[in-house]
Amino acid sequence: MKKSLIALAVMAAAGAASAQSSVTLFGIVDATLAWGRGNGTGSTDKFQLTNSGYNSSRLGFRGTEDLGGGMSASFWLEAGVNNDNGTGAATNTNNQVSGGAAAGQNGSQGLTFNRRSTVSLAGNWGEMRLGRDYTPAFWNLTVFDPFGTNGVGTSLTLNGVGLGFNPLTAAVGSVAIPSLFYPTQVRASNSIGYFLPRNLGGFYGQAQYYSGETASNTPRDGKGYGARLGYAAGPFNVAVGYGRTNLTVAAGAPAVLTSGNVRTWNIGGQWDFGVAKLLGQYSNDRLSLGGGEGTGKSWLLGALVPVGAGEIRASYSEYRLSSNLFGPDPRTQKFALGYVHNLSKRTALYTTYAYAKNRDGANSGLNGATTAANESSSGLDLGIRHSF
């Protein structure tokens, strides 16, 4: 039986899908054997069976209803899945540090639609989308990275230089902001988004506003906005993105540094030469909290080369941290090389090797390894990905 019919039956049993034009159950299961190695005094190695080394594991439902006159309504519910241990990925409810999973609870909260949970109305004028979704600036990080922000080969933009604490919190010493760099670097909850129509001669774009939903007499933590504009025609694709989020850091921070914002902008591009695709990106993240500032700058150059039933992936990336509290600017350089072999349209085997070199005090480790300052680290992924 077709998966769309199965999904339709499941949703209908809940009394939710009888009026839909189409409902689809979809997902990805990606398992990864990952090795990480560190060097220097106090370093550690790590081996693990993890997930999402090629594509992020997920389970989702999506549906569309034709409203006539070129209008349609749709929904999209997508949950991250940790198939190595059977748990679900955690979400963030308010775009704030307080809205993430409690310490030690990540994954134990059950299945959440953390990846995307939206309802949309679309027409010739574009699309309005409400709910939890990718932030506009994140798209450039994943679209213009040969490794798509997954696995040991992904850009250092999401890994940083490793200083024993989050790189963008360098402006406030050891005060930690959990999640990646900040809660909205990848996704935002409580968002209102608009997407341009697709018939603009190659131009595309979106704008998004999101809220931490705090009371009017409290700091507007978690409130922000972003936008993205791009142009794609033939072999060429380029886009710029911007985002800003208000932050409040209370625990352990000096009073003058308890509130501020994080701003990011990036640009990415791709050129398809037929025999290979060349990709590049540049990103700038700036954290301002009171009198302190920290800036993370990164860039990547990579390629995708089709070879028979597979594809070679390669990239070189660098991340540099600048702060008014540091002398030398710590930086990490990484080279990654991988190969994906497609057994079918839905099943693939893959491997990736990455090597990172730390300088000026950086100590970034790969695949869970820890390494000493100014020492190198290496990592290896071996995995299988199946989509349905």
Protein backbone atom coordinates (compact mmCIF):
# COMPACT_ATOMS: atom_id res chain seq x y z
CA MET A 1 0.00 0.00 0.00
CA LYS A 2 1.29 3.42 -0.85
CA LYS A 3 2.70 5.40 2.08
CA SER A 4 0.34 8.30 1.37
CA LEU A 5 -2.65 5.98 1.84
CA ILE A 6 -1.17 4.61 5.05
CA ALA A 7 -0.62 8.11 6.40
CA LEU A 8 -4.13 9.11 5.36
CA ALA A 9 -5.60 6.20 7.28
CA VAL A 10 -3.57 7.05 10.38
CA MET A 11 -4.58 10.70 10.34
CA ALA A 12 -8.19 9.91 9.57
CA ALA A 13 -8.33 7.67 12.63
CA ALA A 14 -7.52 10.75 14.66
CA GLY A 15 -10.28 12.66 12.89
CA ALA A 16 -7.84 15.11 11.34
CA ALA A 17 -7.32 14.26 7.69
CA SER A 18 -10.70 13.68 6.07
CA ALA A 19 -10.71 17.07 4.34
CA GLN A 20 -7.12 16.95 3.06
CA SER A 21 -6.31 16.72 -0.64
CA SER A 22 -3.15 14.79 0.22
CA VAL A 23 -1.35 13.59 3.35
CA THR A 24 2.12 12.05 3.35
CA LEU A 25 4.11 10.16 5.96
CA PHE A 26 7.85 10.61 5.40
CA GLY A 27 11.14 10.22 7.19
CA ILE A 28 14.84 9.43 7.26
CA VAL A 29 16.74 6.90 9.37
CA ASP A 30 20.48 7.57 9.37
CA ALA A 31 22.92 5.57 11.54
CA THR A 32 26.57 6.58 11.95
CA LEU A 33 29.66 4.92 13.40
CA ALA A 34 31.73 7.90 14.53
CA TRP A 35 35.33 8.03 15.72
CA GLY A 36 36.98 11.11 17.20
CA ARG A 37 40.62 11.57 18.19
CA GLY A 38 42.29 14.33 20.19
CA ASN A 39 45.92 15.22 20.81
CA GLY A 40 47.97 16.81 23.56
CA THR A 41 47.86 16.81 27.36
CA GLY A 42 44.47 15.82 28.75
CA SER A 43 43.06 14.82 25.36
CA THR A 44 40.54 12.01 24.93
CA ASP A 45 39.30 9.89 22.04
CA LYS A 46 35.71 8.78 21.50
CA PHE A 47 33.84 6.09 19.59
CA GLN A 48 30.07 6.06 19.31
CA LEU A 49 27.13 4.80 17.33
CA THR A 50 25.23 7.98 16.65
CA ASN A 51 22.87 9.27 13.97
CA SER A 52 22.42 11.86 11.23
CA GLY A 53 25.92 11.73 9.77
CA TYR A 54 24.60 12.35 6.24
CA ASN A 55 21.00 13.50 6.63
CA SER A 56 19.15 14.32 9.85
CA SER A 57 17.00 11.43 11.08
CA ARG A 58 13.34 12.42 11.23
CA LEU A 59 9.70 11.38 11.15
CA GLY A 60 7.10 13.67 9.65
CA PHE A 61 3.59 14.25 8.37
CA ARG A 62 2.66 16.84 5.76
CA GLY A 63 -0.55 17.60 3.94
CA THR A 64 -2.06 20.05 1.47
CA GLU A 65 -5.62 21.09 0.66
CA ASP A 66 -6.54 22.81 -2.60
CA LEU A 67 -8.79 25.76 -1.76
CA GLY A 68 -9.40 26.74 -5.39
CA GLY A 69 -8.49 29.94 -7.20
CA GLY A 70 -4.79 29.20 -6.86
CA MET A 71 -5.00 29.07 -3.05
CA SER A 72 -3.93 26.18 -0.84
CA ALA A 73 -3.61 25.38 2.86
CA SER A 74 -1.01 23.02 4.26
CA PHE A 75 0.56 21.67 7.44
CA TRP A 76 3.98 20.21 8.21
CA LEU A 77 4.87 18.33 11.41
CA GLU A 78 8.44 17.00 11.56
CA ALA A 79 10.18 15.41 14.55
CA GLY A 80 13.87 14.73 15.02
CA VAL A 81 14.63 11.08 15.87
CA ASN A 82 17.71 9.67 17.61
CA ASN A 83 17.55 6.22 16.05
CA ASP A 84 20.74 5.08 17.80
CA ASN A 85 18.87 4.96 21.13
CA GLY A 86 15.20 5.38 20.25
CA THR A 87 14.68 8.82 21.76
CA GLY A 88 13.25 11.98 20.23
CA ALA A 89 15.13 15.24 19.77
CA ALA A 90 14.33 18.13 22.11
CA THR A 91 12.78 21.43 21.05
CA ASN A 92 12.95 25.00 22.35
CA THR A 93 9.63 26.55 23.31
CA ASN A 94 10.48 30.26 23.54
CA ASN A 95 13.79 30.90 21.71
CA GLN A 96 15.46 31.42 25.10
CA VAL A 97 17.96 29.49 27.19
CA SER A 98 15.09 28.62 29.57
CA GLY A 99 13.06 27.06 26.76
CA GLY A 100 15.50 24.26 25.98
CA ALA A 101 15.74 20.80 27.51
CA ALA A 102 16.73 20.68 31.17
CA ALA A 103 20.20 19.38 32.01
CA GLY A 104 20.30 15.63 31.52
CA GLN A 105 16.80 15.56 30.00
CA ASN A 106 17.61 16.05 26.31
CA GLY A 107 15.97 13.19 24.41
CA SER A 108 14.02 11.80 27.37
CA GLN A 109 11.04 14.13 26.81
CA GLY A 110 9.61 11.84 24.13
CA LEU A 111 8.83 12.72 20.53
CA THR A 112 8.56 16.45 19.79
CA PHE A 113 8.03 18.16 16.44
CA ASN A 114 11.21 20.12 17.04
CA ARG A 115 12.34 20.30 13.42
CA ARG A 116 9.22 21.93 12.00
CA SER A 117 5.60 22.43 13.10
CA THR A 118 3.83 24.86 10.78
CA VAL A 119 0.53 25.65 9.12
CA SER A 120 0.54 27.65 5.88
CA LEU A 121 -1.67 29.56 3.46
CA ALA A 122 -0.30 30.01 -0.06
CA GLY A 123 -1.31 31.58 -3.35
CA ASN A 124 0.06 33.49 -6.30
CA TRP A 125 1.12 36.19 -3.84
CA GLY A 126 3.47 33.84 -1.92
CA GLU A 127 3.12 31.90 1.33
CA MET A 128 2.38 32.82 4.94
CA ARG A 129 3.77 30.22 7.38
CA LEU A 130 3.11 30.07 11.15
CA GLY A 131 4.88 27.98 13.77
CA ARG A 132 8.36 26.56 14.39
CA ASP A 133 10.63 26.69 11.36
CA TYR A 134 14.16 27.30 10.07
CA THR A 135 15.41 30.86 10.50
CA PRO A 136 16.19 32.60 7.18
CA ALA A 137 19.94 32.94 7.78
CA PHE A 138 20.37 29.23 8.50
CA TRP A 139 19.41 28.24 4.95
CA ASN A 140 22.71 29.54 3.54
CA LEU A 141 24.70 27.42 6.01
CA THR A 142 23.11 24.17 4.87
CA VAL A 143 22.41 24.82 1.16
CA PHE A 144 25.96 26.00 0.39
CA ASP A 145 27.85 23.37 2.40
CA PRO A 146 28.82 20.10 0.63
CA PHE A 147 28.11 18.28 3.90
CA GLY A 148 24.80 20.07 4.54
CA THR A 149 25.54 20.80 8.24
CA ASN A 150 25.57 17.08 9.07
CA GLY A 151 28.35 14.84 10.33
CA VAL A 152 32.01 15.41 11.06
CA GLY A 153 32.56 17.27 7.79
CA THR A 154 30.13 20.11 8.37
CA SER A 155 31.25 23.73 8.38
CA LEU A 156 32.99 25.09 11.47
CA THR A 157 30.25 27.74 11.62
CA LEU A 158 28.25 25.29 13.72
CA ASN A 159 31.25 23.88 15.61
CA GLY A 160 33.22 27.00 16.49
CA VAL A 161 36.80 27.04 17.76
CA GLY A 162 36.22 25.30 21.09
CA LEU A 163 37.43 27.37 24.03
CA GLY A 164 35.92 25.27 26.78
CA PHE A 165 32.71 27.24 26.45
CA ASN A 166 30.49 28.50 23.68
CA PRO A 167 32.58 30.67 21.33
CA LEU A 168 30.02 33.46 21.08
CA THR A 169 29.90 33.79 24.87
CA ALA A 170 33.54 34.88 24.97
CA ALA A 171 32.30 38.40 25.66
CA VAL A 172 30.97 37.31 29.03
CA GLY A 173 33.73 34.99 30.16
CA SER A 174 32.47 31.57 31.22
CA VAL A 175 28.77 32.44 31.13
CA ALA A 176 27.20 29.72 29.02
CA ILE A 177 24.42 29.98 26.46
CA PRO A 178 23.35 26.36 25.74
CA SER A 179 22.20 25.00 22.38
CA LEU A 180 24.46 25.77 19.44
CA PHE A 181 25.63 29.38 19.50
CA TYR A 182 22.22 30.69 20.43
CA PRO A 183 18.71 29.17 20.47
CA THR A 184 17.64 30.63 17.11
CA GLN A 185 20.71 29.93 15.01
CA VAL A 186 18.93 27.04 13.26
CA ARG A 187 15.22 27.30 14.12
CA ALA A 188 12.79 29.64 15.85
CA SER A 189 9.54 28.88 17.64
CA ASN A 190 6.49 31.15 17.63
CA SER A 191 7.38 32.50 14.20
CA ILE A 192 5.45 34.27 11.46
CA GLY A 193 7.07 33.88 8.05
CA TYR A 194 6.45 35.09 4.53
CA PHE A 195 7.92 33.53 1.37
CA LEU A 196 8.02 35.21 -2.01
CA PRO A 197 6.17 33.51 -4.89
CA ARG A 198 8.22 31.26 -7.17
CA ASN A 199 7.56 33.07 -10.45
CA LEU A 200 9.92 36.03 -10.00
CA GLY A 201 12.44 35.23 -12.71
CA GLY A 202 14.89 33.41 -10.46
CA PHE A 203 14.60 35.63 -7.40
CA TYR A 204 13.51 34.04 -4.10
CA GLY A 205 13.33 35.17 -0.51
CA GLN A 206 11.62 35.17 2.84
CA ALA A 207 11.11 37.29 5.95
CA GLN A 208 10.43 36.04 9.47
CA TYR A 209 9.47 37.46 12.86
CA TYR A 210 9.51 35.39 16.06
CA SER A 211 8.76 36.01 19.71
CA GLY A 212 9.88 34.73 23.09
CA GLU A 213 6.33 35.55 24.26
CA THR A 214 7.48 37.31 27.42
CA ALA A 215 5.38 39.85 29.31
CA SER A 216 5.65 43.49 28.25
CA ASN A 217 7.29 44.51 31.54
CA THR A 218 10.15 41.98 31.20
CA PRO A 219 13.17 41.80 28.85
CA ARG A 220 12.13 40.72 25.36
CA ASP A 221 14.32 37.63 25.47
CA GLY A 222 13.82 35.36 22.46
CA LYS A 223 12.32 38.05 20.23
CA GLY A 224 13.86 38.50 16.82
CA TYR A 225 13.59 38.67 13.07
CA GLY A 226 15.42 37.65 9.93
CA ALA A 227 15.34 37.77 6.15
CA ARG A 228 16.90 36.08 3.14
CA LEU A 229 17.11 37.05 -0.54
CA GLY A 230 18.57 34.98 -3.33
CA TYR A 231 18.82 34.50 -7.07
CA ALA A 232 19.03 31.17 -8.89
CA ALA A 233 19.25 30.74 -12.67
CA GLY A 234 20.77 27.87 -14.60
CA PRO A 235 23.96 26.69 -12.88
CA PHE A 236 24.19 29.74 -10.62
CA ASN A 237 22.70 30.25 -7.14
CA VAL A 238 23.56 32.94 -4.59
CA ALA A 239 21.81 34.23 -1.44
CA VAL A 240 22.35 36.56 1.51
CA GLY A 241 20.76 36.16 4.95
CA TYR A 242 20.41 38.18 8.15
CA GLY A 243 19.03 37.56 11.62
CA ARG A 244 18.83 39.23 15.03
CA THR A 245 17.68 37.80 18.39
CA ASN A 246 17.40 39.45 21.82
CA LEU A 247 19.18 37.54 24.58
CA THR A 248 19.12 37.67 28.37
CA VAL A 249 21.80 35.85 30.36
CA ALA A 250 21.13 35.88 34.08
CA ALA A 251 22.87 33.03 35.88
CA GLY A 252 26.46 33.92 36.75
CA ALA A 253 26.68 37.02 34.56
CA PRO A 254 27.66 40.48 35.80
CA ALA A 255 24.66 42.80 35.87
CA VAL A 256 25.98 44.92 33.02
CA LEU A 257 26.13 41.86 30.77
CA THR A 258 22.74 40.31 31.39
CA SER A 259 20.97 41.51 28.25
CA GLY A 260 21.82 42.22 24.67
CA ASN A 261 21.45 40.61 21.27
CA VAL A 262 23.07 38.37 18.74
CA ARG A 263 23.22 39.39 15.07
CA THR A 264 24.24 37.24 12.15
CA TRP A 265 24.65 37.75 8.45
CA ASN A 266 25.97 35.43 5.78
CA ILE A 267 26.31 34.95 2.06
CA GLY A 268 26.58 31.74 0.10
CA GLY A 269 26.80 30.66 -3.51
CA GLN A 270 27.02 27.69 -5.84
CA TRP A 271 28.08 27.18 -9.46
CA ASP A 272 27.29 23.92 -11.22
CA PHE A 273 29.96 23.16 -13.86
CA GLY A 274 28.33 19.85 -14.80
CA VAL A 275 31.33 17.74 -13.86
CA ALA A 276 31.34 19.30 -10.37
CA LYS A 277 29.59 21.86 -8.18
CA LEU A 278 31.63 24.56 -6.45
CA LEU A 279 30.18 25.96 -3.21
CA GLY A 280 31.24 28.75 -0.88
CA GLN A 281 29.96 30.71 2.10
CA TYR A 282 30.94 33.41 4.58
CA SER A 283 29.27 33.99 7.95
CA ASN A 284 29.57 36.63 10.66
CA ASP A 285 27.98 36.22 14.12
CA ARG A 286 28.19 39.08 16.64
CA LEU A 287 27.13 38.84 20.28
CA SER A 288 26.62 42.08 22.23
CA LEU A 289 25.92 41.87 25.97
CA GLY A 290 26.35 45.11 27.89
CA GLY A 291 29.96 46.23 27.55
CA GLY A 292 31.18 42.96 26.06
CA GLU A 293 31.28 41.81 22.47
CA GLY A 294 32.27 38.61 20.74
CA THR A 295 32.42 37.99 17.02
CA GLY A 296 32.65 34.68 15.22
CA LYS A 297 33.74 34.82 11.57
CA SER A 298 33.81 31.78 9.34
CA TRP A 299 34.15 30.83 5.71
CA LEU A 300 34.00 27.67 3.63
CA LEU A 301 34.97 26.54 0.16
CA GLY A 302 33.80 23.14 -1.05
CA ALA A 303 32.89 20.90 -3.96
CA LEU A 304 30.53 18.10 -4.94
CA VAL A 305 31.80 15.74 -7.67
CA PRO A 306 29.47 13.03 -9.08
CA VAL A 307 31.22 9.70 -9.67
CA GLY A 308 29.07 6.94 -11.14
CA ALA A 309 26.41 6.00 -8.59
CA GLY A 310 28.05 8.13 -5.93
CA GLU A 311 29.39 11.55 -5.08
CA ILE A 312 32.67 12.87 -3.66
CA ARG A 313 32.29 15.70 -1.12
CA ALA A 314 35.13 17.97 -0.03
CA SER A 315 35.48 21.23 1.89
CA TYR A 316 37.92 23.52 3.64
CA SER A 317 36.55 25.79 6.37
CA GLU A 318 37.88 28.19 8.99
CA TYR A 319 36.41 29.75 12.11
CA ARG A 320 37.95 32.73 13.91
CA LEU A 321 36.83 34.25 17.21
CA SER A 322 37.38 37.92 18.04
CA SER A 323 36.53 39.51 21.39
CA ASN A 324 37.39 42.66 23.31
CA LEU A 325 38.38 40.40 26.22
CA PHE A 326 41.03 38.38 24.35
CA GLY A 327 44.44 39.10 22.89
CA PRO A 328 45.11 36.56 20.15
CA ASP A 329 42.03 35.56 18.15
CA PRO A 330 41.54 31.78 18.47
CA ARG A 331 40.86 30.01 15.19
CA THR A 332 40.34 26.54 13.84
CA GLN A 333 40.88 25.26 10.30
CA LYS A 334 39.25 22.08 9.02
CA PHE A 335 39.58 19.93 5.94
CA ALA A 336 36.91 17.31 5.19
CA LEU A 337 36.66 14.64 2.50
CA GLY A 338 33.81 12.20 2.02
CA TYR A 339 32.08 9.84 -0.37
CA VAL A 340 28.41 8.87 -0.70
CA HIS A 341 27.44 5.72 -2.63
CA ASN A 342 23.79 5.43 -3.62
CA LEU A 343 22.53 1.85 -3.49
CA SER A 344 19.14 3.12 -4.67
CA LYS A 345 17.15 6.36 -4.73
CA ARG A 346 16.39 5.92 -1.03
CA THR A 347 19.39 4.09 0.45
CA ALA A 348 22.99 5.28 0.59
CA LEU A 349 26.28 4.33 2.25
CA TYR A 350 28.67 7.12 3.20
CA THR A 351 32.01 7.89 4.81
CA THR A 352 33.67 11.16 5.83
CA TYR A 353 37.10 11.98 7.23
CA ALA A 354 37.89 15.37 8.77
CA TYR A 355 41.02 16.94 10.22
CA ALA A 356 41.01 20.11 12.34
CA LYS A 357 43.99 22.27 13.27
CA ASN A 358 43.69 24.66 16.24
CA ARG A 359 45.66 27.88 16.60
CA ASP A 360 46.05 30.79 19.06
CA GLY A 361 44.44 28.97 21.98
CA ALA A 362 41.59 27.14 20.21
CA ASN A 363 40.89 23.53 21.23
CA SER A 364 38.09 22.31 18.96
CA GLY A 365 37.64 18.52 18.97
CA LEU A 366 35.83 16.39 16.38
CA ASN A 367 33.18 13.71 16.94
CA GLY A 368 33.13 14.15 20.70
CA ALA A 369 36.90 13.99 21.23
CA THR A 370 38.69 16.53 23.41
CA THR A 371 42.03 18.01 22.39
CA ALA A 372 44.51 20.38 23.97
CA ALA A 373 44.86 24.02 22.95
CA ASN A 374 46.71 24.47 19.65
CA GLU A 375 46.61 20.73 18.97
CA SER A 376 44.86 18.91 16.12
CA SER A 377 41.85 16.61 16.11
CA SER A 378 40.52 14.12 13.58
CA GLY A 379 37.24 12.33 13.02
CA LEU A 380 35.76 9.58 10.86
CA ASP A 381 32.14 8.77 9.99
CA LEU A 382 30.83 5.53 8.47
CA GLY A 383 27.09 5.23 7.98
CA ILE A 384 23.95 4.22 6.18
CA ARG A 385 20.98 6.42 5.31
CA HIS A 386 17.50 5.22 4.34
CA SER A 387 14.64 7.56 3.45
CA PHE A 388 10.95 6.78 3.04
